[in-house]
Amino acid sequence: MDLEPLDREDLTFVHDLIAQHVVLTGSHLGARLLSTWSSTALQFTKVMPRDYKRALATAAAVEPVPTPQDLQVAHG
């Protein structure tokens, strides 16, 4: 396992999850975490399994197969 800092996308995901938790539960702890987000965000660490990281890198190197949503249909 590798320990990594969270990138901007990860931080946005975590922030949004906590915000949703606060809305759904009224969590005082969640609200406090959000109110001090600039310091709270520094306390998170991503735990990344090495095999998964390698698989992600391999998948990113392969051209994606288009899905039906990616294809445009021409009507004639």
Protein backbone atom coordinates (compact mmCIF):
# COMPACT_ATOMS: atom_id res chain seq x y z
CA MET A 1 0.00 0.00 0.00
CA ASP A 2 1.11 3.53 -0.77
CA LEU A 3 0.05 6.57 1.24
CA GLU A 4 -0.60 9.61 -0.94
CA PRO A 5 -1.97 13.11 -0.48
CA LEU A 6 -5.41 13.71 -1.94
CA ASP A 7 -5.56 15.59 -5.22
CA ARG A 8 -8.14 18.27 -5.97
CA GLU A 9 -10.66 15.76 -7.33
CA ASP A 10 -10.31 13.55 -4.24
CA LEU A 11 -10.74 16.53 -1.91
CA THR A 12 -13.85 17.66 -3.75
CA PHE A 13 -15.28 14.14 -3.49
CA VAL A 14 -14.59 13.93 0.27
CA HIS A 15 -15.92 17.45 0.89
CA ASP A 16 -19.12 16.67 -1.01
CA LEU A 17 -19.57 13.39 0.87
CA ILE A 18 -19.22 15.13 4.23
CA ALA A 19 -21.58 17.91 3.12
CA GLN A 20 -24.19 15.34 2.06
CA HIS A 21 -23.76 13.55 5.38
CA VAL A 22 -24.37 16.82 7.24
CA VAL A 23 -27.54 17.49 5.25
CA LEU A 24 -28.89 13.98 5.77
CA THR A 25 -27.95 13.55 9.43
CA GLY A 26 -27.45 17.02 10.91
CA SER A 27 -23.99 15.91 12.02
CA HIS A 28 -22.31 18.53 14.19
CA LEU A 29 -18.91 16.92 13.63
CA GLY A 30 -19.39 17.01 9.86
CA ALA A 31 -20.40 20.67 10.04
CA ARG A 32 -17.31 21.44 12.11
CA LEU A 33 -15.07 19.62 9.62
CA LEU A 34 -16.54 21.69 6.79
CA SER A 35 -16.22 24.96 8.72
CA THR A 36 -12.48 24.35 9.10
CA TRP A 37 -12.04 22.70 5.71
CA SER A 38 -8.69 24.31 4.82
CA SER A 39 -7.05 22.62 7.82
CA THR A 40 -9.30 19.54 7.81
CA ALA A 41 -8.41 18.71 4.19
CA LEU A 42 -4.74 18.39 5.14
CA GLN A 43 -5.57 15.56 7.55
CA PHE A 44 -6.81 13.13 4.88
CA THR A 45 -4.53 10.55 3.27
CA LYS A 46 -5.29 8.29 0.33
CA VAL A 47 -4.39 4.63 0.89
CA MET A 48 -3.69 3.21 -2.55
CA PRO A 49 -3.07 -0.52 -3.13
CA ARG A 50 -0.09 -0.87 -5.48
CA ASP A 51 -1.78 -3.46 -7.71
CA TYR A 52 -4.84 -1.22 -8.13
CA LYS A 53 -2.63 1.77 -8.91
CA ARG A 54 -0.83 -0.29 -11.56
CA ALA A 55 -4.17 -1.42 -13.05
CA LEU A 56 -5.37 2.19 -13.24
CA ALA A 57 -2.19 3.22 -15.02
CA THR A 58 -2.56 0.36 -17.50
CA ALA A 59 -6.22 1.20 -18.15
CA ALA A 60 -5.34 4.86 -18.72
CA ALA A 61 -2.75 3.85 -21.32
CA VAL A 62 -5.31 1.83 -23.32
CA GLU A 63 -7.69 3.72 -25.60
CA PRO A 64 -11.21 3.47 -24.15
CA VAL A 65 -13.87 1.52 -26.00
CA PRO A 66 -16.75 3.85 -26.92
CA THR A 67 -20.01 3.28 -25.07
CA PRO A 68 -23.43 3.73 -26.72
CA GLN A 69 -23.67 7.19 -25.10
CA ASP A 70 -20.43 8.20 -26.88
CA LEU A 71 -21.74 7.26 -30.31
CA GLN A 72 -23.80 9.67 -32.40
CA VAL A 73 -26.53 8.39 -34.63
CA ALA A 74 -27.14 10.04 -37.99
CA HIS A 75 -30.75 10.13 -39.08
CA GLY A 76 -31.42 10.28 -42.79
